[in-house]
Amino acid sequence: MAGWTFLTHHAHVLLQVAQDPDATIEQIASVVGVTSRSAVSILNDLEATGYIERERRGRRNHYVVHPEQPLRHPSNAAHTVGELIAALSDLR
């Protein structure tokens, strides 16, 4: 298989969180294929830029995706996170 993919790790983490908002860091990292440390860094990036919110529920996190947020690249800014999720997942 080629050494590159069409989607970034950030997109994969976002899609995983949308699919399972109660997933643990380890679960997210395993599905995406990154280390737990990378998953935490990506989740921090997504939270800092308003794409997700992290809610503490007991000892675990619950994630809320903000589907109305525009995509970051200027050529895609007319589209939203919700559109990306709808196009690439079963969450319609």
C-alpha atoms as a PDB file:
ATOM      1  CA  MET A   1       0.000   0.000   0.000  1.00  0.00           C
ATOM      2  CA  ALA A   2       1.135   3.553  -0.695  1.00  0.00           C
ATOM      3  CA  GLY A   3       2.784   5.602   2.061  1.00  0.00           C
ATOM      4  CA  TRP A   4       0.120   8.298   1.974  1.00  0.00           C
ATOM      5  CA  THR A   5      -3.626   8.666   2.383  1.00  0.00           C
ATOM      6  CA  PHE A   6      -6.219  11.141   1.162  1.00  0.00           C
ATOM      7  CA  LEU A   7      -7.272  12.208   4.656  1.00  0.00           C
ATOM      8  CA  THR A   8      -5.091  13.555   7.447  1.00  0.00           C
ATOM      9  CA  HIS A   9      -4.901  12.035  10.888  1.00  0.00           C
ATOM     10  CA  HIS A  10      -6.923  15.041  12.092  1.00  0.00           C
ATOM     11  CA  ALA A  11      -9.763  14.080   9.757  1.00  0.00           C
ATOM     12  CA  HIS A  12      -9.609  10.452  10.858  1.00  0.00           C
ATOM     13  CA  VAL A  13      -9.727  11.428  14.549  1.00  0.00           C
ATOM     14  CA  LEU A  14     -12.654  13.762  13.882  1.00  0.00           C
ATOM     15  CA  LEU A  15     -14.542  11.004  12.046  1.00  0.00           C
ATOM     16  CA  GLN A  16     -13.860   8.524  14.844  1.00  0.00           C
ATOM     17  CA  VAL A  17     -15.079  10.965  17.500  1.00  0.00           C
ATOM     18  CA  ALA A  18     -18.224  11.624  15.450  1.00  0.00           C
ATOM     19  CA  GLN A  19     -18.841   7.891  15.209  1.00  0.00           C
ATOM     20  CA  ASP A  20     -18.121   7.144  18.887  1.00  0.00           C
ATOM     21  CA  PRO A  21     -18.245  10.253  21.113  1.00  0.00           C
ATOM     22  CA  ASP A  22     -17.415   8.187  24.201  1.00  0.00           C
ATOM     23  CA  ALA A  23     -14.333   6.469  22.770  1.00  0.00           C
ATOM     24  CA  THR A  24     -11.199   6.444  24.902  1.00  0.00           C
ATOM     25  CA  ILE A  25      -7.919   7.940  23.715  1.00  0.00           C
ATOM     26  CA  GLU A  26      -6.572   4.420  23.277  1.00  0.00           C
ATOM     27  CA  GLN A  27      -9.558   3.381  21.155  1.00  0.00           C
ATOM     28  CA  ILE A  28      -9.282   6.467  18.954  1.00  0.00           C
ATOM     29  CA  ALA A  29      -5.531   5.986  18.538  1.00  0.00           C
ATOM     30  CA  SER A  30      -5.956   2.317  17.650  1.00  0.00           C
ATOM     31  CA  VAL A  31      -8.620   2.931  14.994  1.00  0.00           C
ATOM     32  CA  VAL A  32      -6.740   5.852  13.438  1.00  0.00           C
ATOM     33  CA  GLY A  33      -3.359   4.127  13.616  1.00  0.00           C
ATOM     34  CA  VAL A  34      -1.506   6.701  15.684  1.00  0.00           C
ATOM     35  CA  THR A  35       0.002   6.701  19.165  1.00  0.00           C
ATOM     36  CA  SER A  36      -2.081   7.738  22.151  1.00  0.00           C
ATOM     37  CA  ARG A  37       0.127  10.799  22.480  1.00  0.00           C
ATOM     38  CA  SER A  38      -0.597  11.797  18.870  1.00  0.00           C
ATOM     39  CA  ALA A  39      -4.318  11.250  19.405  1.00  0.00           C
ATOM     40  CA  VAL A  40      -4.251  13.558  22.444  1.00  0.00           C
ATOM     41  CA  SER A  41      -2.369  16.208  20.457  1.00  0.00           C
ATOM     42  CA  ILE A  42      -4.864  15.991  17.582  1.00  0.00           C
ATOM     43  CA  LEU A  43      -7.840  16.144  19.963  1.00  0.00           C
ATOM     44  CA  ASN A  44      -6.275  19.219  21.579  1.00  0.00           C
ATOM     45  CA  ASP A  45      -5.903  20.830  18.133  1.00  0.00           C
ATOM     46  CA  LEU A  46      -9.529  20.056  17.244  1.00  0.00           C
ATOM     47  CA  GLU A  47     -10.741  21.427  20.565  1.00  0.00           C
ATOM     48  CA  ALA A  48      -8.602  24.582  20.396  1.00  0.00           C
ATOM     49  CA  THR A  49      -9.992  25.421  16.957  1.00  0.00           C
ATOM     50  CA  GLY A  50     -13.627  24.798  17.925  1.00  0.00           C
ATOM     51  CA  TYR A  51     -14.263  21.604  15.985  1.00  0.00           C
ATOM     52  CA  ILE A  52     -14.987  19.559  19.093  1.00  0.00           C
ATOM     53  CA  GLU A  53     -15.750  20.051  22.761  1.00  0.00           C
ATOM     54  CA  ARG A  54     -14.588  17.736  25.484  1.00  0.00           C
ATOM     55  CA  GLU A  55     -16.983  17.072  28.359  1.00  0.00           C
ATOM     56  CA  ARG A  56     -15.815  15.248  31.446  1.00  0.00           C
ATOM     57  CA  ARG A  57     -18.158  12.418  32.466  1.00  0.00           C
ATOM     58  CA  GLY A  58     -16.822  10.788  35.562  1.00  0.00           C
ATOM     59  CA  ARG A  59     -13.370   9.498  34.721  1.00  0.00           C
ATOM     60  CA  ARG A  60     -13.937   9.582  30.954  1.00  0.00           C
ATOM     61  CA  ASN A  61     -14.339  12.136  28.213  1.00  0.00           C
ATOM     62  CA  HIS A  62     -17.348  12.623  25.980  1.00  0.00           C
ATOM     63  CA  TYR A  63     -16.786  14.534  22.755  1.00  0.00           C
ATOM     64  CA  VAL A  64     -19.215  16.845  21.006  1.00  0.00           C
ATOM     65  CA  VAL A  65     -18.545  17.623  17.356  1.00  0.00           C
ATOM     66  CA  HIS A  66     -19.565  21.028  15.992  1.00  0.00           C
ATOM     67  CA  PRO A  67     -20.814  20.099  12.506  1.00  0.00           C
ATOM     68  CA  GLU A  68     -21.431  23.706  11.494  1.00  0.00           C
ATOM     69  CA  GLN A  69     -17.717  24.562  11.552  1.00  0.00           C
ATOM     70  CA  PRO A  70     -16.208  25.255   8.114  1.00  0.00           C
ATOM     71  CA  LEU A  71     -13.347  23.152   6.817  1.00  0.00           C
ATOM     72  CA  ARG A  72      -9.976  24.835   7.275  1.00  0.00           C
ATOM     73  CA  HIS A  73      -8.441  24.840   3.812  1.00  0.00           C
ATOM     74  CA  PRO A  74      -9.517  27.895   1.764  1.00  0.00           C
ATOM     75  CA  SER A  75     -10.532  25.729  -1.188  1.00  0.00           C
ATOM     76  CA  ASN A  76     -12.913  23.757   1.075  1.00  0.00           C
ATOM     77  CA  ALA A  77     -14.092  26.541   3.389  1.00  0.00           C
ATOM     78  CA  ALA A  78     -17.548  26.626   1.784  1.00  0.00           C
ATOM     79  CA  HIS A  79     -18.112  23.140   3.222  1.00  0.00           C
ATOM     80  CA  THR A  80     -18.666  22.140   6.826  1.00  0.00           C
ATOM     81  CA  VAL A  81     -17.407  19.442   9.135  1.00  0.00           C
ATOM     82  CA  GLY A  82     -20.923  18.023   9.100  1.00  0.00           C
ATOM     83  CA  GLU A  83     -20.766  17.616   5.339  1.00  0.00           C
ATOM     84  CA  LEU A  84     -17.428  15.836   5.615  1.00  0.00           C
ATOM     85  CA  ILE A  85     -18.778  13.487   8.270  1.00  0.00           C
ATOM     86  CA  ALA A  86     -21.918  12.781   6.240  1.00  0.00           C
ATOM     87  CA  ALA A  87     -19.879  12.063   3.114  1.00  0.00           C
ATOM     88  CA  LEU A  88     -17.419   9.728   4.811  1.00  0.00           C
ATOM     89  CA  SER A  89     -19.406   7.879   7.433  1.00  0.00           C
ATOM     90  CA  ASP A  90     -22.667   6.155   8.169  1.00  0.00           C
ATOM     91  CA  LEU A  91     -23.750   9.029  10.454  1.00  0.00           C
ATOM     92  CA  ARG A  92     -26.354  10.617   8.202  1.00  0.00           C
END
